[in-house]
């Protein structure tokens, strides 16, 4: 199986999200991205799934931004589901 590469749509390796540090990219599809992360206090591994519907959002640095007003509405509706 080919190793997945971090890219402009993903959080970067080493990025700290709360108490977790992103270590690896596990997968990405049409609606989300899965990361392997490590808890900085407990030192155990967890999987973090990020809601990222690539048809209606983009990433600017660490910020996810929907495309236009309709994208914002669809993104918020998807987050609440």
N, C-alpha and C. Protein backbone atom coordinates (compact mmCIF):
# COMPACT_ATOMS: atom_id res chain seq x y z
N UNK A 1 0.85 -1.19 0.00
CA UNK A 1 0.00 0.00 0.00
C UNK A 1 0.89 1.25 0.00
N UNK A 2 0.58 2.19 -0.85
CA UNK A 2 1.35 3.42 -0.96
C UNK A 2 1.11 4.33 0.24
N UNK A 3 2.16 4.96 0.70
CA UNK A 3 2.05 5.90 1.81
C UNK A 3 1.37 7.18 1.32
N UNK A 4 0.43 7.67 2.09
CA UNK A 4 -0.26 8.91 1.75
C UNK A 4 0.64 10.09 2.09
N UNK A 5 0.55 11.12 1.28
CA UNK A 5 1.37 12.32 1.45
C UNK A 5 0.51 13.48 1.98
N UNK A 6 1.05 14.22 2.92
CA UNK A 6 0.41 15.46 3.36
C UNK A 6 0.40 16.41 2.17
N UNK A 7 -0.65 17.25 2.07
CA UNK A 7 -0.77 18.17 0.94
C UNK A 7 -1.47 19.45 1.38
N UNK A 8 -1.81 20.30 0.42
CA UNK A 8 -2.41 21.60 0.74
C UNK A 8 -3.80 21.48 1.38
N UNK A 9 -4.44 20.33 1.27
CA UNK A 9 -5.76 20.14 1.88
C UNK A 9 -5.69 19.60 3.31
N UNK A 10 -4.55 19.07 3.71
CA UNK A 10 -4.43 18.43 5.02
C UNK A 10 -3.75 19.32 6.04
N UNK A 11 -3.97 19.00 7.31
CA UNK A 11 -3.17 19.61 8.36
C UNK A 11 -1.77 19.05 8.22
N UNK A 12 -0.76 19.77 8.65
CA UNK A 12 0.62 19.32 8.47
C UNK A 12 1.04 18.36 9.58
N UNK A 13 2.00 17.51 9.24
CA UNK A 13 2.58 16.61 10.22
C UNK A 13 3.24 17.46 11.30
N UNK A 14 2.99 17.13 12.57
CA UNK A 14 3.53 17.91 13.69
C UNK A 14 2.59 18.99 14.18
N UNK A 15 1.50 19.25 13.45
CA UNK A 15 0.54 20.28 13.87
C UNK A 15 -0.12 19.85 15.18
N UNK A 16 -0.21 20.76 16.16
CA UNK A 16 -0.85 20.46 17.44
C UNK A 16 -2.28 20.96 17.43
N UNK A 17 -3.19 20.05 17.71
CA UNK A 17 -4.61 20.34 17.76
C UNK A 17 -5.07 20.01 19.17
N UNK A 18 -5.19 21.04 20.00
CA UNK A 18 -5.51 20.80 21.41
C UNK A 18 -4.39 20.01 22.06
N UNK A 19 -4.74 18.87 22.64
CA UNK A 19 -3.76 18.01 23.32
C UNK A 19 -3.17 16.95 22.41
N UNK A 20 -3.37 17.08 21.10
CA UNK A 20 -2.94 16.05 20.15
C UNK A 20 -1.99 16.62 19.11
N UNK A 21 -1.02 15.81 18.71
CA UNK A 21 -0.08 16.19 17.66
C UNK A 21 -0.29 15.23 16.48
N UNK A 22 -0.49 15.80 15.31
CA UNK A 22 -0.69 15.01 14.09
C UNK A 22 0.63 14.31 13.74
N UNK A 23 0.55 12.98 13.59
CA UNK A 23 1.75 12.20 13.24
C UNK A 23 1.72 11.66 11.82
N UNK A 24 0.54 11.26 11.36
CA UNK A 24 0.48 10.63 10.05
C UNK A 24 -0.89 10.87 9.42
N UNK A 25 -0.93 10.74 8.12
CA UNK A 25 -2.16 10.86 7.36
C UNK A 25 -2.66 9.45 7.07
N UNK A 26 -3.87 9.13 7.53
CA UNK A 26 -4.41 7.78 7.35
C UNK A 26 -5.26 7.65 6.10
N UNK A 27 -5.98 8.71 5.74
CA UNK A 27 -6.82 8.64 4.57
C UNK A 27 -7.54 9.95 4.33
N UNK A 28 -8.00 10.10 3.09
CA UNK A 28 -8.81 11.26 2.77
C UNK A 28 -9.75 10.90 1.63
N UNK A 29 -10.96 11.44 1.74
CA UNK A 29 -11.98 11.16 0.74
C UNK A 29 -12.78 12.41 0.46
N UNK A 30 -13.96 12.22 -0.10
CA UNK A 30 -14.79 13.34 -0.50
C UNK A 30 -15.33 14.17 0.65
N UNK A 31 -15.44 13.56 1.85
CA UNK A 31 -16.05 14.29 2.96
C UNK A 31 -15.15 14.48 4.17
N UNK A 32 -13.96 13.93 4.15
CA UNK A 32 -13.13 14.10 5.33
C UNK A 32 -11.72 13.58 5.19
N UNK A 33 -10.95 13.84 6.24
CA UNK A 33 -9.55 13.45 6.31
C UNK A 33 -9.34 12.79 7.67
N UNK A 34 -8.63 11.66 7.68
CA UNK A 34 -8.33 10.95 8.93
C UNK A 34 -6.84 11.03 9.21
N UNK A 35 -6.51 11.35 10.45
CA UNK A 35 -5.12 11.49 10.88
C UNK A 35 -4.84 10.56 12.05
N UNK A 36 -3.59 10.10 12.15
CA UNK A 36 -3.11 9.44 13.35
C UNK A 36 -2.47 10.54 14.18
N UNK A 37 -2.86 10.63 15.44
CA UNK A 37 -2.32 11.67 16.31
C UNK A 37 -1.93 11.05 17.64
N UNK A 38 -1.11 11.77 18.39
CA UNK A 38 -0.67 11.30 19.70
C UNK A 38 -1.07 12.30 20.76
N UNK A 39 -1.64 11.81 21.85
CA UNK A 39 -2.01 12.63 23.00
C UNK A 39 -0.71 13.04 23.70
N UNK A 40 -0.50 14.34 23.87
CA UNK A 40 0.76 14.82 24.45
C UNK A 40 0.88 14.54 25.95
N UNK A 41 -0.23 14.25 26.61
CA UNK A 41 -0.19 13.97 28.05
C UNK A 41 -0.19 12.47 28.33
N UNK A 42 -1.05 11.73 27.67
CA UNK A 42 -1.20 10.30 27.92
C UNK A 42 -0.30 9.45 27.04
N UNK A 43 0.23 10.05 25.98
CA UNK A 43 1.15 9.39 25.04
C UNK A 43 0.53 8.21 24.30
N UNK A 44 -0.79 8.18 24.21
CA UNK A 44 -1.44 7.13 23.41
C UNK A 44 -1.86 7.70 22.08
N UNK A 45 -2.06 6.81 21.11
CA UNK A 45 -2.45 7.22 19.77
C UNK A 45 -3.97 7.23 19.64
N UNK A 46 -4.45 8.17 18.85
CA UNK A 46 -5.87 8.31 18.54
C UNK A 46 -6.01 8.60 17.05
N UNK A 47 -7.20 8.38 16.55
CA UNK A 47 -7.52 8.77 15.18
C UNK A 47 -8.41 10.01 15.25
N UNK A 48 -8.04 11.02 14.51
CA UNK A 48 -8.84 12.24 14.42
C UNK A 48 -9.41 12.31 13.02
N UNK A 49 -10.72 12.47 12.96
CA UNK A 49 -11.38 12.65 11.66
C UNK A 49 -11.82 14.09 11.53
N UNK A 50 -11.38 14.71 10.46
CA UNK A 50 -11.72 16.12 10.19
C UNK A 50 -12.78 16.17 9.10
N UNK A 51 -13.87 16.87 9.37
CA UNK A 51 -14.90 17.09 8.36
C UNK A 51 -14.34 18.06 7.33
N UNK A 52 -14.17 17.59 6.10
CA UNK A 52 -13.58 18.39 5.04
C UNK A 52 -14.19 17.99 3.70
N UNK A 53 -15.41 18.48 3.42
CA UNK A 53 -16.04 18.16 2.14
C UNK A 53 -15.35 18.92 1.01
N UNK A 54 -14.46 18.26 0.28
CA UNK A 54 -13.57 18.98 -0.64
C UNK A 54 -14.26 19.64 -1.81
N UNK A 55 -15.54 19.38 -2.02
CA UNK A 55 -16.27 20.06 -3.11
C UNK A 55 -16.72 21.47 -2.71
N UNK A 56 -16.78 21.74 -1.39
CA UNK A 56 -17.32 23.03 -0.95
C UNK A 56 -16.39 23.83 -0.04
N UNK A 57 -15.20 23.29 0.27
CA UNK A 57 -14.27 24.02 1.15
C UNK A 57 -12.85 23.94 0.62
N UNK A 58 -12.03 24.85 1.11
CA UNK A 58 -10.59 24.82 0.86
C UNK A 58 -9.89 25.13 2.18
N UNK A 59 -8.59 24.97 2.20
CA UNK A 59 -7.81 25.27 3.40
C UNK A 59 -6.85 26.40 3.09
N UNK A 60 -6.81 27.38 3.99
CA UNK A 60 -5.85 28.47 3.91
C UNK A 60 -5.01 28.38 5.18
N UNK A 61 -3.85 27.76 5.08
CA UNK A 61 -3.05 27.51 6.28
C UNK A 61 -3.73 26.44 7.11
N UNK A 62 -4.16 26.78 8.30
CA UNK A 62 -4.86 25.83 9.16
C UNK A 62 -6.38 26.06 9.17
N UNK A 63 -6.84 27.07 8.44
CA UNK A 63 -8.24 27.45 8.44
C UNK A 63 -8.99 26.83 7.26
N UNK A 64 -10.14 26.21 7.56
CA UNK A 64 -11.02 25.67 6.52
C UNK A 64 -12.03 26.75 6.17
N UNK A 65 -12.14 27.06 4.88
CA UNK A 65 -13.04 28.11 4.45
C UNK A 65 -13.96 27.60 3.34
N UNK A 66 -15.29 27.69 3.54
CA UNK A 66 -16.25 27.30 2.49
C UNK A 66 -16.20 28.26 1.32
N UNK A 67 -16.58 27.75 0.14
CA UNK A 67 -16.67 28.57 -1.06
C UNK A 67 -18.01 29.29 -1.07
N UNK A 68 -18.01 30.59 -0.89
CA UNK A 68 -19.22 31.41 -1.01
C UNK A 68 -20.29 31.14 0.04
N UNK A 69 -21.41 31.83 -0.09
CA UNK A 69 -22.51 31.73 0.86
C UNK A 69 -23.18 30.37 0.83
N UNK A 70 -23.41 29.82 -0.37
CA UNK A 70 -24.06 28.51 -0.45
C UNK A 70 -23.15 27.43 0.13
N UNK A 71 -21.84 27.56 -0.09
CA UNK A 71 -20.89 26.63 0.50
C UNK A 71 -20.89 26.71 2.01
N UNK A 72 -21.01 27.91 2.54
CA UNK A 72 -21.08 28.12 4.00
C UNK A 72 -22.30 27.43 4.57
N UNK A 73 -23.45 27.61 3.93
CA UNK A 73 -24.69 26.98 4.39
C UNK A 73 -24.57 25.45 4.36
N UNK A 74 -24.05 24.91 3.26
CA UNK A 74 -23.88 23.46 3.13
C UNK A 74 -22.88 22.92 4.16
N UNK A 75 -21.80 23.65 4.37
CA UNK A 75 -20.78 23.24 5.34
C UNK A 75 -21.37 23.19 6.75
N UNK A 76 -22.08 24.24 7.14
CA UNK A 76 -22.68 24.28 8.48
C UNK A 76 -23.73 23.20 8.65
N UNK A 77 -24.52 22.93 7.60
CA UNK A 77 -25.52 21.88 7.65
C UNK A 77 -24.84 20.51 7.83
N UNK A 78 -23.75 20.29 7.13
CA UNK A 78 -23.01 19.05 7.26
C UNK A 78 -22.36 18.88 8.63
N UNK A 79 -21.88 19.97 9.22
CA UNK A 79 -21.27 19.92 10.55
C UNK A 79 -22.29 19.52 11.60
N UNK A 80 -23.52 19.96 11.43
CA UNK A 80 -24.54 19.69 12.46
C UNK A 80 -25.19 18.32 12.30
N UNK A 81 -24.90 17.63 11.20
CA UNK A 81 -25.48 16.30 10.96
C UNK A 81 -24.76 15.23 11.73
